């Protein structure tokens, strides 16, 4: 048994949505460190371009700005990626949104925006890129990694109804897609992060000392924690992990 290359991504091509910041950026940097060529996408072009420029210090990173909350935006991203590559080895569906409001006042806008981006987009973007993922699945399996959340597994006190529902749905969607895409040598899995500092999880970013008291590990997640999980699933090491959701939360889910 040769384990020296189990976690290598050398020669692999990865596309990460929501890659300009937070968890997406953590994963992008990790993939670059393992030898992948990385394409990041984000709605804000300037931020996407700046992050790609900064990450280029670690490897080949290309910015592909796009708004993947609509089918038009999804198709635009696919076309932009196809202008660079004829195949895709790793797709990370990370772009997401959240919305908090009381039960009595929760708006339709807060439902549609979150569910469309968190649940519909991963399905239709993966569907559109499946031919490229299949093309790359020759001497290795291609990978799709959906970024879910522990809020799709257990209930927190915040009134984020559409977010929790969308992430729970994404976990089930991961299982369903995994069964179908295994036929095409594409492995589908998911990660359910806990507290990682980001613009979406501002509590973890701005109140880390308070938040860490609730975490059995005694700290919030670090970039290396997220990168390690994604590298595992994206590499040969994760080939036999199909339809599963890897919880990366420092033990919070078991404490709730």
Protein backbone atom coordinates (compact mmCIF):
# COMPACT_ATOMS: atom_id res chain seq x y z
CA UNK A 1 0.00 0.00 0.00
CA UNK A 2 1.42 3.37 -1.09
CA UNK A 3 -0.22 6.20 0.84
CA UNK A 4 2.16 8.94 -0.28
CA UNK A 5 -0.20 10.27 -2.95
CA UNK A 6 -3.56 9.62 -1.31
CA UNK A 7 -4.21 13.31 -0.69
CA UNK A 8 -2.52 14.72 -3.78
CA UNK A 9 -4.53 16.86 -6.20
CA UNK A 10 -1.70 17.33 -8.65
CA UNK A 11 -3.03 17.87 -12.16
CA UNK A 12 -6.66 18.15 -11.02
CA UNK A 13 -8.89 21.05 -12.04
CA UNK A 14 -11.27 22.46 -9.45
CA UNK A 15 -14.12 24.96 -9.63
CA UNK A 16 -15.29 26.52 -6.35
CA UNK A 17 -18.36 28.72 -6.15
CA UNK A 18 -18.35 31.38 -3.46
CA UNK A 19 -14.58 31.09 -3.60
CA UNK A 20 -13.63 34.69 -2.92
CA UNK A 21 -14.00 34.55 0.86
CA UNK A 22 -14.77 32.44 3.90
CA UNK A 23 -15.01 28.68 3.53
CA UNK A 24 -14.66 28.82 -0.25
CA UNK A 25 -11.36 30.64 0.03
CA UNK A 26 -10.12 28.20 2.68
CA UNK A 27 -10.84 25.30 0.35
CA UNK A 28 -9.28 27.04 -2.64
CA UNK A 29 -6.03 27.66 -0.78
CA UNK A 30 -5.95 24.06 0.41
CA UNK A 31 -6.50 22.70 -3.09
CA UNK A 32 -3.74 24.91 -4.47
CA UNK A 33 -1.34 23.65 -1.81
CA UNK A 34 -2.08 20.09 -2.97
CA UNK A 35 -1.27 20.90 -6.60
CA UNK A 36 -4.70 21.59 -8.13
CA UNK A 37 -5.45 24.27 -10.70
CA UNK A 38 -8.28 26.25 -9.10
CA UNK A 39 -11.03 28.39 -10.56
CA UNK A 40 -13.02 30.50 -8.12
CA UNK A 41 -16.35 32.15 -8.75
CA UNK A 42 -18.22 34.85 -6.85
CA UNK A 43 -20.94 37.35 -7.59
CA UNK A 44 -18.76 40.39 -6.91
CA UNK A 45 -16.18 40.57 -9.69
CA UNK A 46 -13.72 42.85 -7.92
CA UNK A 47 -13.58 40.64 -4.83
CA UNK A 48 -13.27 37.50 -6.95
CA UNK A 49 -10.44 38.98 -8.99
CA UNK A 50 -8.59 40.19 -5.91
CA UNK A 51 -8.82 36.83 -4.16
CA UNK A 52 -7.61 34.97 -7.25
CA UNK A 53 -4.65 37.35 -7.46
CA UNK A 54 -3.80 36.78 -3.80
CA UNK A 55 -4.20 32.99 -4.04
CA UNK A 56 -2.01 32.88 -7.14
CA UNK A 57 0.92 33.09 -4.73
CA UNK A 58 0.16 29.45 -3.89
CA UNK A 59 -0.56 28.10 -7.37
CA UNK A 60 -2.61 28.55 -10.52
CA UNK A 61 -5.83 30.35 -9.52
CA UNK A 62 -8.27 31.94 -11.99
CA UNK A 63 -11.21 34.27 -11.29
CA UNK A 64 -14.54 33.56 -13.00
CA UNK A 65 -17.08 36.05 -11.58
CA UNK A 66 -20.71 34.97 -11.93
CA UNK A 67 -24.07 35.16 -10.19
CA UNK A 68 -25.04 31.52 -9.88
CA UNK A 69 -28.36 32.26 -8.17
CA UNK A 70 -30.08 32.09 -11.58
CA UNK A 71 -29.96 29.59 -14.42
CA UNK A 72 -28.64 32.34 -16.68
CA UNK A 73 -25.77 32.93 -14.26
CA UNK A 74 -25.08 29.21 -14.01
CA UNK A 75 -24.86 28.90 -17.78
CA UNK A 76 -22.60 31.94 -17.95
CA UNK A 77 -20.21 30.39 -15.43
CA UNK A 78 -20.16 27.08 -17.30
CA UNK A 79 -19.35 28.90 -20.55
CA UNK A 80 -16.61 30.92 -18.87
CA UNK A 81 -15.06 27.78 -17.43
CA UNK A 82 -15.26 25.96 -20.77
CA UNK A 83 -13.25 28.76 -22.34
CA UNK A 84 -10.34 27.63 -20.16
CA UNK A 85 -10.74 23.86 -19.79
CA UNK A 86 -12.26 20.87 -21.56
CA UNK A 87 -12.79 18.85 -18.39
CA UNK A 88 -13.44 19.26 -14.67
CA UNK A 89 -12.17 17.04 -11.86
CA UNK A 90 -13.63 18.72 -8.76
CA UNK A 91 -16.70 20.89 -8.27
CA UNK A 92 -17.32 22.53 -4.90
CA UNK A 93 -20.84 23.92 -4.51
CA UNK A 94 -20.13 26.46 -1.80
CA UNK A 95 -21.99 29.65 -2.77
CA UNK A 96 -24.73 30.26 -0.24
CA UNK A 97 -26.92 32.76 1.56
CA UNK A 98 -28.70 33.07 4.89
CA UNK A 99 -31.68 35.04 6.16
CA UNK A 100 -32.89 35.57 9.69
CA UNK A 101 -36.34 36.84 10.68
CA UNK A 102 -39.03 35.96 13.19
CA UNK A 103 -41.53 33.26 12.30
CA UNK A 104 -44.40 35.77 12.14
CA UNK A 105 -42.61 38.13 9.78
CA UNK A 106 -40.40 35.82 7.72
CA UNK A 107 -40.66 37.11 4.11
CA UNK A 108 -41.03 35.24 0.86
CA UNK A 109 -37.92 37.01 -0.40
CA UNK A 110 -35.94 35.52 2.46
CA UNK A 111 -37.21 32.08 1.52
CA UNK A 112 -36.69 32.22 -2.23
CA UNK A 113 -33.24 33.86 -2.17
CA UNK A 114 -31.82 31.33 0.27
CA UNK A 115 -33.45 28.16 -1.04
CA UNK A 116 -32.66 29.00 -4.66
CA UNK A 117 -28.97 29.60 -4.02
CA UNK A 118 -28.38 26.96 -1.36
CA UNK A 119 -30.41 24.12 -2.86
CA UNK A 120 -31.40 24.75 -6.47
CA UNK A 121 -28.05 26.09 -7.65
CA UNK A 122 -25.96 23.06 -6.57
CA UNK A 123 -28.28 20.76 -8.51
CA UNK A 124 -28.42 22.73 -11.74
CA UNK A 125 -24.75 23.74 -11.75
CA UNK A 126 -23.73 20.12 -11.22
CA UNK A 127 -26.15 19.05 -13.93
CA UNK A 128 -24.65 21.54 -16.37
CA UNK A 129 -21.08 20.49 -15.58
CA UNK A 130 -21.71 16.73 -15.51
CA UNK A 131 -20.44 16.19 -19.08
CA UNK A 132 -17.12 17.79 -18.13
CA UNK A 133 -16.93 15.83 -14.89
CA UNK A 134 -17.60 12.61 -16.81
CA UNK A 135 -14.91 13.45 -19.34
CA UNK A 136 -12.32 13.79 -16.61
CA UNK A 137 -13.30 10.56 -14.83
CA UNK A 138 -10.83 8.32 -16.60
CA UNK A 139 -7.96 7.08 -14.42
CA UNK A 140 -9.58 8.66 -11.37
CA UNK A 141 -13.06 9.54 -10.12
CA UNK A 142 -14.35 13.09 -10.44
CA UNK A 143 -15.75 14.74 -7.33
CA UNK A 144 -18.66 16.97 -6.36
CA UNK A 145 -18.57 18.42 -2.85
CA UNK A 146 -21.65 20.24 -1.54
CA UNK A 147 -21.13 22.62 1.37
CA UNK A 148 -24.04 22.06 3.74
CA UNK A 149 -24.16 23.10 7.42
CA UNK A 150 -24.66 21.61 10.85
CA UNK A 151 -27.88 23.65 10.85
CA UNK A 152 -29.20 21.10 8.38
CA UNK A 153 -28.54 18.35 10.95
CA UNK A 154 -29.52 19.86 14.28
CA UNK A 155 -31.57 22.90 15.27
CA UNK A 156 -29.99 26.08 16.60
CA UNK A 157 -31.83 28.90 18.44
CA UNK A 158 -31.68 31.34 15.52
CA UNK A 159 -34.78 31.83 13.37
CA UNK A 160 -33.15 31.04 10.03
CA UNK A 161 -35.96 28.92 8.61
CA UNK A 162 -35.05 28.87 4.95
CA UNK A 163 -31.36 28.36 5.68
CA UNK A 164 -31.92 25.33 7.91
CA UNK A 165 -34.40 23.83 5.45
CA UNK A 166 -32.11 24.40 2.48
CA UNK A 167 -29.11 22.80 4.17
CA UNK A 168 -31.11 19.80 5.31
CA UNK A 169 -32.38 19.48 1.76
CA UNK A 170 -28.85 19.71 0.39
CA UNK A 171 -27.74 16.83 2.59
CA UNK A 172 -30.55 14.65 1.22
CA UNK A 173 -29.90 15.89 -2.32
CA UNK A 174 -26.28 14.83 -1.89
CA UNK A 175 -27.42 11.27 -1.17
CA UNK A 176 -29.76 11.16 -4.14
CA UNK A 177 -27.24 12.64 -6.58
CA UNK A 178 -24.52 10.32 -5.31
CA UNK A 179 -26.49 7.24 -6.32
CA UNK A 180 -27.10 8.55 -9.83
CA UNK A 181 -23.68 10.03 -10.56
CA UNK A 182 -21.75 7.00 -9.32
CA UNK A 183 -22.78 5.48 -12.66
CA UNK A 184 -20.60 8.12 -14.34
CA UNK A 185 -17.60 7.71 -12.02
CA UNK A 186 -18.50 10.91 -10.15
CA UNK A 187 -18.43 10.84 -6.35
CA UNK A 188 -20.84 13.22 -4.62
CA UNK A 189 -20.38 14.06 -0.94
CA UNK A 190 -20.90 16.99 1.41
CA UNK A 191 -19.33 18.88 4.28
CA UNK A 192 -21.36 20.29 7.16
CA UNK A 193 -19.26 23.03 8.75
CA UNK A 194 -19.77 24.37 12.22
CA UNK A 195 -18.37 27.71 13.38
CA UNK A 196 -15.85 29.13 10.91
CA UNK A 197 -15.12 32.85 10.77
CA UNK A 198 -16.71 34.40 7.68
CA UNK A 199 -18.99 37.18 6.52
CA UNK A 200 -21.88 34.72 6.70
CA UNK A 201 -20.98 33.49 10.18
CA UNK A 202 -20.24 36.84 11.77
CA UNK A 203 -20.66 35.45 15.29
CA UNK A 204 -17.70 33.15 14.75
CA UNK A 205 -15.77 36.03 13.24
CA UNK A 206 -16.62 38.79 15.70
CA UNK A 207 -17.45 36.90 18.90
CA UNK A 208 -14.96 34.05 18.75
CA UNK A 209 -14.10 34.14 22.47
CA UNK A 210 -17.77 33.78 23.39
CA UNK A 211 -18.66 31.23 20.72
CA UNK A 212 -15.75 28.91 21.48
CA UNK A 213 -17.11 28.34 25.00
CA UNK A 214 -19.97 26.37 23.43
CA UNK A 215 -17.69 24.19 21.31
CA UNK A 216 -16.29 20.96 22.81
CA UNK A 217 -13.02 21.49 20.91
CA UNK A 218 -12.66 24.84 22.67
CA UNK A 219 -12.14 26.91 19.53
CA UNK A 220 -13.75 27.94 16.28
CA UNK A 221 -12.72 26.23 13.06
CA UNK A 222 -9.46 27.23 11.42
CA UNK A 223 -8.79 27.36 7.65
CA UNK A 224 -6.70 24.21 7.87
CA UNK A 225 -9.66 22.29 9.35
CA UNK A 226 -11.86 23.11 6.37
CA UNK A 227 -9.09 22.63 3.81
CA UNK A 228 -8.27 19.20 5.26
CA UNK A 229 -11.85 17.98 5.01
CA UNK A 230 -12.22 19.18 1.43
CA UNK A 231 -8.86 17.77 0.36
CA UNK A 232 -9.81 14.40 1.84
CA UNK A 233 -13.06 14.23 -0.10
CA UNK A 234 -11.57 15.63 -3.32
CA UNK A 235 -8.57 13.32 -3.41
CA UNK A 236 -8.11 9.57 -3.87
CA UNK A 237 -8.47 9.28 -0.09
CA UNK A 238 -12.18 10.06 -0.36
CA UNK A 239 -13.11 7.90 -3.34
CA UNK A 240 -15.18 5.47 -1.28
CA UNK A 241 -17.15 8.19 0.56
CA UNK A 242 -20.32 8.43 -1.50
CA UNK A 243 -23.40 10.39 -0.47
CA UNK A 244 -22.08 11.03 3.02
CA UNK A 245 -21.85 14.35 4.84
CA UNK A 246 -18.66 14.98 6.77
CA UNK A 247 -19.39 17.04 9.89
CA UNK A 248 -16.57 19.47 10.72
CA UNK A 249 -17.75 21.33 13.81
CA UNK A 250 -15.52 20.64 16.80
CA UNK A 251 -18.23 18.47 18.36
CA UNK A 252 -21.05 21.04 18.48
CA UNK A 253 -23.68 18.85 16.82
CA UNK A 254 -23.34 16.22 19.55
CA UNK A 255 -23.75 18.85 22.26
CA UNK A 256 -26.92 20.53 20.98
